[in-house]
PDB file of all heavy atoms in Angstrom:
ATOM      1  N   PHE A   1      -2.940 -15.516  -6.037  1.00  0.00           N
ATOM      2  CA  PHE A   1      -1.996 -14.611  -6.682  1.00  0.00           C
ATOM      3  C   PHE A   1      -1.897 -13.279  -5.948  1.00  0.00           C
ATOM      4  O   PHE A   1      -0.845 -12.641  -5.934  1.00  0.00           O
ATOM      5  CB  PHE A   1      -2.405 -14.367  -8.137  1.00  0.00           C
ATOM      6  CG  PHE A   1      -2.319 -15.609  -8.975  1.00  0.00           C
ATOM      7  CD1 PHE A   1      -3.467 -16.310  -9.307  1.00  0.00           C
ATOM      8  CD2 PHE A   1      -1.100 -16.095  -9.408  1.00  0.00           C
ATOM      9  CE1 PHE A   1      -3.400 -17.463 -10.062  1.00  0.00           C
ATOM     10  CE2 PHE A   1      -1.018 -17.254 -10.163  1.00  0.00           C
ATOM     11  CZ  PHE A   1      -2.170 -17.942 -10.489  1.00  0.00           C
ATOM     12  N   VAL A   2      -2.985 -12.861  -5.341  1.00  0.00           N
ATOM     13  CA  VAL A   2      -2.991 -11.577  -4.645  1.00  0.00           C
ATOM     14  C   VAL A   2      -2.238 -11.651  -3.317  1.00  0.00           C
ATOM     15  O   VAL A   2      -1.599 -10.681  -2.917  1.00  0.00           O
ATOM     16  CB  VAL A   2      -4.446 -11.099  -4.426  1.00  0.00           C
ATOM     17  CG1 VAL A   2      -4.506  -9.883  -3.528  1.00  0.00           C
ATOM     18  CG2 VAL A   2      -5.099 -10.782  -5.760  1.00  0.00           C
ATOM     19  N   ALA A   3      -2.289 -12.782  -2.651  1.00  0.00           N
ATOM     20  CA  ALA A   3      -1.643 -12.919  -1.336  1.00  0.00           C
ATOM     21  C   ALA A   3      -0.147 -12.603  -1.382  1.00  0.00           C
ATOM     22  O   ALA A   3       0.331 -11.794  -0.577  1.00  0.00           O
ATOM     23  CB  ALA A   3      -1.904 -14.306  -0.764  1.00  0.00           C
ATOM     24  N   PRO A   4       0.627 -13.205  -2.302  1.00  0.00           N
ATOM     25  CA  PRO A   4       2.061 -12.863  -2.331  1.00  0.00           C
ATOM     26  C   PRO A   4       2.305 -11.394  -2.716  1.00  0.00           C
ATOM     27  O   PRO A   4       3.234 -10.765  -2.207  1.00  0.00           O
ATOM     28  CB  PRO A   4       2.659 -13.779  -3.389  1.00  0.00           C
ATOM     29  CG  PRO A   4       1.635 -14.776  -3.724  1.00  0.00           C
ATOM     30  CD  PRO A   4       0.331 -14.278  -3.225  1.00  0.00           C
ATOM     31  N   LEU A   5       1.464 -10.857  -3.583  1.00  0.00           N
ATOM     32  CA  LEU A   5       1.620  -9.447  -3.955  1.00  0.00           C
ATOM     33  C   LEU A   5       1.349  -8.526  -2.768  1.00  0.00           C
ATOM     34  O   LEU A   5       2.004  -7.499  -2.601  1.00  0.00           O
ATOM     35  CB  LEU A   5       0.685  -9.103  -5.115  1.00  0.00           C
ATOM     36  CG  LEU A   5       1.017  -9.780  -6.438  1.00  0.00           C
ATOM     37  CD1 LEU A   5      -0.052  -9.466  -7.480  1.00  0.00           C
ATOM     38  CD2 LEU A   5       2.379  -9.358  -6.932  1.00  0.00           C
ATOM     39  N   THR A   6       0.396  -8.915  -1.933  1.00  0.00           N
ATOM     40  CA  THR A   6       0.112  -8.139  -0.731  1.00  0.00           C
ATOM     41  C   THR A   6       1.285  -8.181   0.229  1.00  0.00           C
ATOM     42  O   THR A   6       1.665  -7.152   0.800  1.00  0.00           O
ATOM     43  CB  THR A   6      -1.160  -8.682  -0.045  1.00  0.00           C
ATOM     44  OG1 THR A   6      -2.249  -8.629  -0.967  1.00  0.00           O
ATOM     45  CG2 THR A   6      -1.499  -7.878   1.194  1.00  0.00           C
ATOM     46  N   VAL A   7       1.877  -9.340   0.408  1.00  0.00           N
ATOM     47  CA  VAL A   7       3.033  -9.469   1.296  1.00  0.00           C
ATOM     48  C   VAL A   7       4.208  -8.646   0.769  1.00  0.00           C
ATOM     49  O   VAL A   7       4.874  -7.937   1.538  1.00  0.00           O
ATOM     50  CB  VAL A   7       3.430 -10.959   1.462  1.00  0.00           C
ATOM     51  CG1 VAL A   7       4.758 -11.095   2.185  1.00  0.00           C
ATOM     52  CG2 VAL A   7       2.339 -11.714   2.193  1.00  0.00           C
ATOM     53  N   ILE A   8       4.445  -8.701  -0.521  1.00  0.00           N
ATOM     54  CA  ILE A   8       5.527  -7.914  -1.124  1.00  0.00           C
ATOM     55  C   ILE A   8       5.283  -6.420  -0.920  1.00  0.00           C
ATOM     56  O   ILE A   8       6.192  -5.665  -0.584  1.00  0.00           O
ATOM     57  CB  ILE A   8       5.679  -8.256  -2.622  1.00  0.00           C
ATOM     58  CG1 ILE A   8       6.247  -9.664  -2.769  1.00  0.00           C
ATOM     59  CG2 ILE A   8       6.566  -7.248  -3.339  1.00  0.00           C
ATOM     60  CD1 ILE A   8       6.192 -10.206  -4.185  1.00  0.00           C
ATOM     61  N   THR A   9       4.035  -6.010  -1.108  1.00  0.00           N
ATOM     62  CA  THR A   9       3.683  -4.600  -0.908  1.00  0.00           C
ATOM     63  C   THR A   9       3.919  -4.185   0.543  1.00  0.00           C
ATOM     64  O   THR A   9       4.479  -3.114   0.804  1.00  0.00           O
ATOM     65  CB  THR A   9       2.219  -4.349  -1.296  1.00  0.00           C
ATOM     66  OG1 THR A   9       2.034  -4.694  -2.665  1.00  0.00           O
ATOM     67  CG2 THR A   9       1.827  -2.901  -1.091  1.00  0.00           C
ATOM     68  N   LEU A  10       3.497  -5.021   1.481  1.00  0.00           N
ATOM     69  CA  LEU A  10       3.689  -4.696   2.898  1.00  0.00           C
ATOM     70  C   LEU A  10       5.158  -4.637   3.281  1.00  0.00           C
ATOM     71  O   LEU A  10       5.571  -3.789   4.081  1.00  0.00           O
ATOM     72  CB  LEU A  10       2.964  -5.716   3.768  1.00  0.00           C
ATOM     73  CG  LEU A  10       1.442  -5.635   3.765  1.00  0.00           C
ATOM     74  CD1 LEU A  10       0.847  -6.800   4.540  1.00  0.00           C
ATOM     75  CD2 LEU A  10       0.977  -4.316   4.341  1.00  0.00           C
ATOM     76  N   LEU A  11       5.958  -5.515   2.702  1.00  0.00           N
ATOM     77  CA  LEU A  11       7.372  -5.564   3.072  1.00  0.00           C
ATOM     78  C   LEU A  11       8.210  -4.463   2.419  1.00  0.00           C
ATOM     79  O   LEU A  11       9.108  -3.901   3.049  1.00  0.00           O
ATOM     80  CB  LEU A  11       7.965  -6.925   2.708  1.00  0.00           C
ATOM     81  CG  LEU A  11       7.467  -8.114   3.529  1.00  0.00           C
ATOM     82  CD1 LEU A  11       8.053  -9.415   2.975  1.00  0.00           C
ATOM     83  CD2 LEU A  11       7.820  -7.952   4.992  1.00  0.00           C
ATOM     84  N   PHE A  12       7.930  -4.165   1.161  1.00  0.00           N
ATOM     85  CA  PHE A  12       8.833  -3.292   0.418  1.00  0.00           C
ATOM     86  C   PHE A  12       8.241  -1.956  -0.044  1.00  0.00           C
ATOM     87  O   PHE A  12       8.985  -1.025  -0.323  1.00  0.00           O
ATOM     88  CB  PHE A  12       9.367  -4.034  -0.816  1.00  0.00           C
ATOM     89  CG  PHE A  12      10.087  -5.301  -0.471  1.00  0.00           C
ATOM     90  CD1 PHE A  12       9.524  -6.526  -0.764  1.00  0.00           C
ATOM     91  CD2 PHE A  12      11.322  -5.273   0.167  1.00  0.00           C
ATOM     92  CE1 PHE A  12      10.181  -7.706  -0.450  1.00  0.00           C
ATOM     93  CE2 PHE A  12      11.984  -6.442   0.493  1.00  0.00           C
ATOM     94  CZ  PHE A  12      11.412  -7.664   0.184  1.00  0.00           C
ATOM     95  N   LEU A  13       6.949  -1.857  -0.147  1.00  0.00           N
ATOM     96  CA  LEU A  13       6.350  -0.651  -0.720  1.00  0.00           C
ATOM     97  C   LEU A  13       5.539   0.183   0.268  1.00  0.00           C
ATOM     98  O   LEU A  13       4.905   1.151  -0.123  1.00  0.00           O
ATOM     99  CB  LEU A  13       5.456  -1.041  -1.909  1.00  0.00           C
ATOM    100  CG  LEU A  13       6.157  -1.804  -3.033  1.00  0.00           C
ATOM    101  CD1 LEU A  13       5.159  -2.219  -4.095  1.00  0.00           C
ATOM    102  CD2 LEU A  13       7.267  -0.962  -3.639  1.00  0.00           C
ATOM    103  N   THR A  14       5.568  -0.187   1.530  1.00  0.00           N
ATOM    104  CA  THR A  14       4.789   0.544   2.531  1.00  0.00           C
ATOM    105  C   THR A  14       5.203   2.005   2.604  1.00  0.00           C
ATOM    106  O   THR A  14       4.373   2.882   2.797  1.00  0.00           O
ATOM    107  CB  THR A  14       4.941  -0.120   3.913  1.00  0.00           C
ATOM    108  OG1 THR A  14       4.578  -1.485   3.799  1.00  0.00           O
ATOM    109  CG2 THR A  14       4.061   0.543   4.939  1.00  0.00           C
ATOM    110  N   GLY A  15       6.473   2.268   2.428  1.00  0.00           N
ATOM    111  CA  GLY A  15       6.966   3.640   2.479  1.00  0.00           C
ATOM    112  C   GLY A  15       6.324   4.555   1.456  1.00  0.00           C
ATOM    113  O   GLY A  15       6.174   5.753   1.689  1.00  0.00           O
ATOM    114  N   LEU A  16       5.926   4.000   0.313  1.00  0.00           N
ATOM    115  CA  LEU A  16       5.285   4.817  -0.714  1.00  0.00           C
ATOM    116  C   LEU A  16       3.893   5.288  -0.283  1.00  0.00           C
ATOM    117  O   LEU A  16       3.432   6.344  -0.701  1.00  0.00           O
ATOM    118  CB  LEU A  16       5.166   4.018  -2.018  1.00  0.00           C
ATOM    119  CG  LEU A  16       6.470   3.613  -2.679  1.00  0.00           C
ATOM    120  CD1 LEU A  16       6.191   2.713  -3.879  1.00  0.00           C
ATOM    121  CD2 LEU A  16       7.246   4.847  -3.111  1.00  0.00           C
ATOM    122  N   PHE A  17       3.229   4.494   0.549  1.00  0.00           N
ATOM    123  CA  PHE A  17       1.872   4.830   0.977  1.00  0.00           C
ATOM    124  C   PHE A  17       1.842   5.570   2.305  1.00  0.00           C
ATOM    125  O   PHE A  17       0.818   6.115   2.694  1.00  0.00           O
ATOM    126  CB  PHE A  17       1.038   3.542   1.118  1.00  0.00           C
ATOM    127  CG  PHE A  17       0.944   2.766  -0.148  1.00  0.00           C
ATOM    128  CD1 PHE A  17       1.600   1.558  -0.279  1.00  0.00           C
ATOM    129  CD2 PHE A  17       0.212   3.238  -1.218  1.00  0.00           C
ATOM    130  CE1 PHE A  17       1.522   0.828  -1.456  1.00  0.00           C
ATOM    131  CE2 PHE A  17       0.131   2.524  -2.401  1.00  0.00           C
ATOM    132  CZ  PHE A  17       0.787   1.317  -2.513  1.00  0.00           C
ATOM    133  N   GLU A  18       2.955   5.618   2.972  1.00  0.00           N
ATOM    134  CA  GLU A  18       3.055   6.152   4.325  1.00  0.00           C
ATOM    135  C   GLU A  18       2.630   7.616   4.425  1.00  0.00           C
ATOM    136  O   GLU A  18       1.941   8.015   5.363  1.00  0.00           O
ATOM    137  CB  GLU A  18       4.504   6.000   4.763  1.00  0.00           C
ATOM    138  CG  GLU A  18       4.764   6.076   6.207  1.00  0.00           C
ATOM    139  CD  GLU A  18       6.198   5.638   6.471  1.00  0.00           C
ATOM    140  OE1 GLU A  18       7.135   6.262   5.935  1.00  0.00           O
ATOM    141  OE2 GLU A  18       6.357   4.656   7.184  1.00  0.00           O
ATOM    142  N   LYS A  19       3.030   8.410   3.466  1.00  0.00           N
ATOM    143  CA  LYS A  19       2.794   9.848   3.562  1.00  0.00           C
ATOM    144  C   LYS A  19       1.574  10.326   2.779  1.00  0.00           C
ATOM    145  O   LYS A  19       1.304  11.513   2.724  1.00  0.00           O
ATOM    146  CB  LYS A  19       4.036  10.598   3.103  1.00  0.00           C
ATOM    147  CG  LYS A  19       5.218  10.326   4.009  1.00  0.00           C
ATOM    148  CD  LYS A  19       6.443  11.076   3.603  1.00  0.00           C
ATOM    149  CE  LYS A  19       7.572  10.707   4.551  1.00  0.00           C
ATOM    150  NZ  LYS A  19       8.800  11.394   4.257  1.00  0.00           N
ATOM    151  N   LEU A  20       0.860   9.388   2.174  1.00  0.00           N
ATOM    152  CA  LEU A  20      -0.353   9.768   1.455  1.00  0.00           C
ATOM    153  C   LEU A  20      -1.460  10.118   2.438  1.00  0.00           C
ATOM    154  O   LEU A  20      -1.643   9.431   3.439  1.00  0.00           O
ATOM    155  CB  LEU A  20      -0.835   8.623   0.561  1.00  0.00           C
ATOM    156  CG  LEU A  20      -0.042   8.340  -0.695  1.00  0.00           C
ATOM    157  CD1 LEU A  20      -0.612   7.113  -1.394  1.00  0.00           C
ATOM    158  CD2 LEU A  20      -0.073   9.519  -1.636  1.00  0.00           C
ATOM    159  N   PRO A  21      -2.216  11.170   2.163  1.00  0.00           N
ATOM    160  CA  PRO A  21      -3.352  11.482   3.035  1.00  0.00           C
ATOM    161  C   PRO A  21      -4.398  10.363   2.960  1.00  0.00           C
ATOM    162  O   PRO A  21      -4.524   9.681   1.941  1.00  0.00           O
ATOM    163  CB  PRO A  21      -3.918  12.776   2.442  1.00  0.00           C
ATOM    164  CG  PRO A  21      -2.860  13.306   1.547  1.00  0.00           C
ATOM    165  CD  PRO A  21      -2.024  12.156   1.111  1.00  0.00           C
ATOM    166  N   GLU A  22      -5.146  10.189   4.038  1.00  0.00           N
ATOM    167  CA  GLU A  22      -6.169   9.142   4.069  1.00  0.00           C
ATOM    168  C   GLU A  22      -7.225   9.367   2.990  1.00  0.00           C
ATOM    169  O   GLU A  22      -7.806   8.412   2.486  1.00  0.00           O
ATOM    170  CB  GLU A  22      -6.824   9.074   5.436  1.00  0.00           C
ATOM    171  CG  GLU A  22      -5.913   8.480   6.491  1.00  0.00           C
ATOM    172  CD  GLU A  22      -6.595   8.329   7.828  1.00  0.00           C
ATOM    173  OE1 GLU A  22      -7.840   8.366   7.888  1.00  0.00           O
ATOM    174  OE2 GLU A  22      -5.875   8.169   8.820  1.00  0.00           O
ATOM    175  N   ALA A  23      -7.466  10.619   2.627  1.00  0.00           N
ATOM    176  CA  ALA A  23      -8.459  10.915   1.588  1.00  0.00           C
ATOM    177  C   ALA A  23      -8.047  10.321   0.246  1.00  0.00           C
ATOM    178  O   ALA A  23      -8.888   9.871  -0.533  1.00  0.00           O
ATOM    179  CB  ALA A  23      -8.655  12.419   1.459  1.00  0.00           C
ATOM    180  N   VAL A  24      -6.764  10.295  -0.041  1.00  0.00           N
ATOM    181  CA  VAL A  24      -6.277   9.710  -1.291  1.00  0.00           C
ATOM    182  C   VAL A  24      -6.516   8.201  -1.285  1.00  0.00           C
ATOM    183  O   VAL A  24      -6.983   7.624  -2.276  1.00  0.00           O
ATOM    184  CB  VAL A  24      -4.775  10.019  -1.497  1.00  0.00           C
ATOM    185  CG1 VAL A  24      -4.219   9.252  -2.678  1.00  0.00           C
ATOM    186  CG2 VAL A  24      -4.557  11.503  -1.672  1.00  0.00           C
ATOM    187  N   LEU A  25      -6.200   7.564  -0.173  1.00  0.00           N
ATOM    188  CA  LEU A  25      -6.420   6.121  -0.070  1.00  0.00           C
ATOM    189  C   LEU A  25      -7.909   5.787  -0.137  1.00  0.00           C
ATOM    190  O   LEU A  25      -8.303   4.799  -0.756  1.00  0.00           O
ATOM    191  CB  LEU A  25      -5.797   5.588   1.221  1.00  0.00           C
ATOM    192  CG  LEU A  25      -4.283   5.793   1.333  1.00  0.00           C
ATOM    193  CD1 LEU A  25      -3.788   5.357   2.700  1.00  0.00           C
ATOM    194  CD2 LEU A  25      -3.554   5.067   0.240  1.00  0.00           C
ATOM    195  N   ALA A  26      -8.738   6.623   0.480  1.00  0.00           N
ATOM    196  CA  ALA A  26     -10.185   6.417   0.405  1.00  0.00           C
ATOM    197  C   ALA A  26     -10.675   6.598  -1.025  1.00  0.00           C
ATOM    198  O   ALA A  26     -11.575   5.878  -1.481  1.00  0.00           O
ATOM    199  CB  ALA A  26     -10.903   7.395   1.329  1.00  0.00           C
ATOM    200  N   GLY A  27     -10.091   7.526  -1.750  1.00  0.00           N
ATOM    201  CA  GLY A  27     -10.457   7.739  -3.151  1.00  0.00           C
ATOM    202  C   GLY A  27     -10.165   6.529  -4.012  1.00  0.00           C
ATOM    203  O   GLY A  27     -10.918   6.209  -4.929  1.00  0.00           O
ATOM    204  N   VAL A  28      -9.081   5.832  -3.708  1.00  0.00           N
ATOM    205  CA  VAL A  28      -8.739   4.616  -4.451  1.00  0.00           C
ATOM    206  C   VAL A  28      -9.819   3.556  -4.225  1.00  0.00           C
ATOM    207  O   VAL A  28     -10.268   2.896  -5.163  1.00  0.00           O
ATOM    208  CB  VAL A  28      -7.352   4.088  -4.029  1.00  0.00           C
ATOM    209  CG1 VAL A  28      -7.086   2.721  -4.602  1.00  0.00           C
ATOM    210  CG2 VAL A  28      -6.268   5.071  -4.439  1.00  0.00           C
TER     211      VAL A  28
END
């Protein structure tokens, strides 16, 4: 179930994560 969600995220939602600082992603 996670695999298709990961592909969807990579294809369509990458822009949302693009400008986040690495510290925010590390915090997650």
